[in-house]
Amino acid sequence: MNTKSSVTLPPAELKLVLSLQARLKARTKVEVVRRGLRLLQEVTDRESLREGYRRASKATGACLSAELKELDPLVADALDKP
């Protein structure tokens, strides 16, 4: 179901939309806006994923460091054996 909407843009932004419409070979100004919105959503979703990976990495970093320190003596033991 389509819903009608109207957006008034300042002249500089309208010029940008028209320029992008020509460069993208978009049929309408609405198509330019839709593509821009989709791109913004994708970028936002990717940034959200990156932040999730950052938090997970931080959360496991300290634990991993402790585990590796615990295993260090075992590695040294194995190297000493022929």
C-alpha atoms as a PDB file:
ATOM      1  CA  MET A   1       0.000   0.000   0.000  1.00  0.00           C
ATOM      2  CA  ASN A   2       1.512   3.328  -1.036  1.00  0.00           C
ATOM      3  CA  THR A   3       1.083   6.406   1.087  1.00  0.00           C
ATOM      4  CA  LYS A   4       1.381   9.868  -0.361  1.00  0.00           C
ATOM      5  CA  SER A   5       3.877  12.220   1.206  1.00  0.00           C
ATOM      6  CA  SER A   6       5.257  15.586   0.273  1.00  0.00           C
ATOM      7  CA  VAL A   7       8.663  16.953   1.198  1.00  0.00           C
ATOM      8  CA  THR A   8       9.805  20.497   0.534  1.00  0.00           C
ATOM      9  CA  LEU A   9      13.537  20.823   0.035  1.00  0.00           C
ATOM     10  CA  PRO A  10      15.701  23.912   0.127  1.00  0.00           C
ATOM     11  CA  PRO A  11      17.044  24.847  -3.339  1.00  0.00           C
ATOM     12  CA  ALA A  12      20.538  23.435  -2.681  1.00  0.00           C
ATOM     13  CA  GLU A  13      19.177  20.039  -1.634  1.00  0.00           C
ATOM     14  CA  LEU A  14      16.765  19.929  -4.566  1.00  0.00           C
ATOM     15  CA  LYS A  15      19.712  20.653  -6.854  1.00  0.00           C
ATOM     16  CA  LEU A  16      21.564  17.727  -5.260  1.00  0.00           C
ATOM     17  CA  VAL A  17      18.566  15.408  -5.802  1.00  0.00           C
ATOM     18  CA  LEU A  18      18.310  16.500  -9.443  1.00  0.00           C
ATOM     19  CA  SER A  19      22.040  16.004  -9.942  1.00  0.00           C
ATOM     20  CA  LEU A  20      21.889  12.514  -8.424  1.00  0.00           C
ATOM     21  CA  GLN A  21      18.818  11.714 -10.493  1.00  0.00           C
ATOM     22  CA  ALA A  22      20.783  12.441 -13.652  1.00  0.00           C
ATOM     23  CA  ARG A  23      23.940  10.624 -12.506  1.00  0.00           C
ATOM     24  CA  LEU A  24      22.017   7.554 -11.341  1.00  0.00           C
ATOM     25  CA  LYS A  25      19.713   7.626 -14.349  1.00  0.00           C
ATOM     26  CA  ALA A  26      16.802   7.465 -11.916  1.00  0.00           C
ATOM     27  CA  ARG A  27      13.370   7.985 -13.416  1.00  0.00           C
ATOM     28  CA  THR A  28      12.057  10.129 -10.570  1.00  0.00           C
ATOM     29  CA  LYS A  29      13.234  12.224  -7.649  1.00  0.00           C
ATOM     30  CA  VAL A  30      11.386   9.800  -5.365  1.00  0.00           C
ATOM     31  CA  GLU A  31      13.594   6.969  -6.632  1.00  0.00           C
ATOM     32  CA  VAL A  32      16.677   8.999  -5.643  1.00  0.00           C
ATOM     33  CA  VAL A  33      15.278   9.563  -2.154  1.00  0.00           C
ATOM     34  CA  ARG A  34      14.340   5.885  -1.763  1.00  0.00           C
ATOM     35  CA  ARG A  35      17.830   4.777  -2.801  1.00  0.00           C
ATOM     36  CA  GLY A  36      19.336   7.252  -0.363  1.00  0.00           C
ATOM     37  CA  LEU A  37      17.154   5.963   2.459  1.00  0.00           C
ATOM     38  CA  ARG A  38      18.078   2.340   1.703  1.00  0.00           C
ATOM     39  CA  LEU A  39      21.764   3.231   1.664  1.00  0.00           C
ATOM     40  CA  LEU A  40      21.431   5.064   4.978  1.00  0.00           C
ATOM     41  CA  GLN A  41      19.691   2.043   6.487  1.00  0.00           C
ATOM     42  CA  GLU A  42      22.430  -0.323   5.251  1.00  0.00           C
ATOM     43  CA  VAL A  43      25.193   1.898   6.647  1.00  0.00           C
ATOM     44  CA  THR A  44      23.372   2.180   9.972  1.00  0.00           C
ATOM     45  CA  ASP A  45      22.843  -1.591  10.133  1.00  0.00           C
ATOM     46  CA  ARG A  46      26.543  -2.222   9.383  1.00  0.00           C
ATOM     47  CA  GLU A  47      27.611   0.244  12.076  1.00  0.00           C
ATOM     48  CA  SER A  48      25.325  -1.502  14.540  1.00  0.00           C
ATOM     49  CA  LEU A  49      26.973  -4.852  13.692  1.00  0.00           C
ATOM     50  CA  ARG A  50      30.451  -3.343  14.061  1.00  0.00           C
ATOM     51  CA  GLU A  51      29.537  -2.001  17.494  1.00  0.00           C
ATOM     52  CA  GLY A  52      28.233  -5.436  18.501  1.00  0.00           C
ATOM     53  CA  TYR A  53      31.501  -7.076  17.412  1.00  0.00           C
ATOM     54  CA  ARG A  54      33.492  -4.410  19.288  1.00  0.00           C
ATOM     55  CA  ARG A  55      31.550  -5.073  22.488  1.00  0.00           C
ATOM     56  CA  ALA A  56      31.900  -8.850  22.111  1.00  0.00           C
ATOM     57  CA  SER A  57      35.622  -8.552  21.455  1.00  0.00           C
ATOM     58  CA  LYS A  58      36.112  -6.399  24.536  1.00  0.00           C
ATOM     59  CA  ALA A  59      34.058  -8.795  26.646  1.00  0.00           C
ATOM     60  CA  THR A  60      36.102 -11.823  25.607  1.00  0.00           C
ATOM     61  CA  GLY A  61      39.495 -10.085  25.457  1.00  0.00           C
ATOM     62  CA  ALA A  62      40.199 -10.153  29.197  1.00  0.00           C
ATOM     63  CA  CYS A  63      39.009 -13.736  29.512  1.00  0.00           C
ATOM     64  CA  LEU A  64      41.162 -14.853  26.576  1.00  0.00           C
ATOM     65  CA  SER A  65      44.229 -13.165  28.041  1.00  0.00           C
ATOM     66  CA  ALA A  66      43.745 -14.975  31.355  1.00  0.00           C
ATOM     67  CA  GLU A  67      43.253 -18.319  29.594  1.00  0.00           C
ATOM     68  CA  LEU A  68      46.431 -17.874  27.539  1.00  0.00           C
ATOM     69  CA  LYS A  69      48.458 -17.032  30.660  1.00  0.00           C
ATOM     70  CA  GLU A  70      47.131 -20.194  32.264  1.00  0.00           C
ATOM     71  CA  LEU A  71      48.225 -22.279  29.264  1.00  0.00           C
ATOM     72  CA  ASP A  72      51.709 -20.735  28.943  1.00  0.00           C
ATOM     73  CA  PRO A  73      53.396 -23.072  31.431  1.00  0.00           C
ATOM     74  CA  LEU A  74      51.918 -26.108  29.672  1.00  0.00           C
ATOM     75  CA  VAL A  75      53.396 -24.991  26.345  1.00  0.00           C
ATOM     76  CA  ALA A  76      56.807 -24.536  27.921  1.00  0.00           C
ATOM     77  CA  ASP A  77      56.497 -28.021  29.466  1.00  0.00           C
ATOM     78  CA  ALA A  78      55.757 -29.595  26.096  1.00  0.00           C
ATOM     79  CA  LEU A  79      58.738 -27.875  24.477  1.00  0.00           C
ATOM     80  CA  ASP A  80      61.122 -29.224  27.105  1.00  0.00           C
ATOM     81  CA  LYS A  81      60.118 -32.847  26.442  1.00  0.00           C
ATOM     82  CA  PRO A  82      61.908 -34.709  23.593  1.00  0.00           C
END
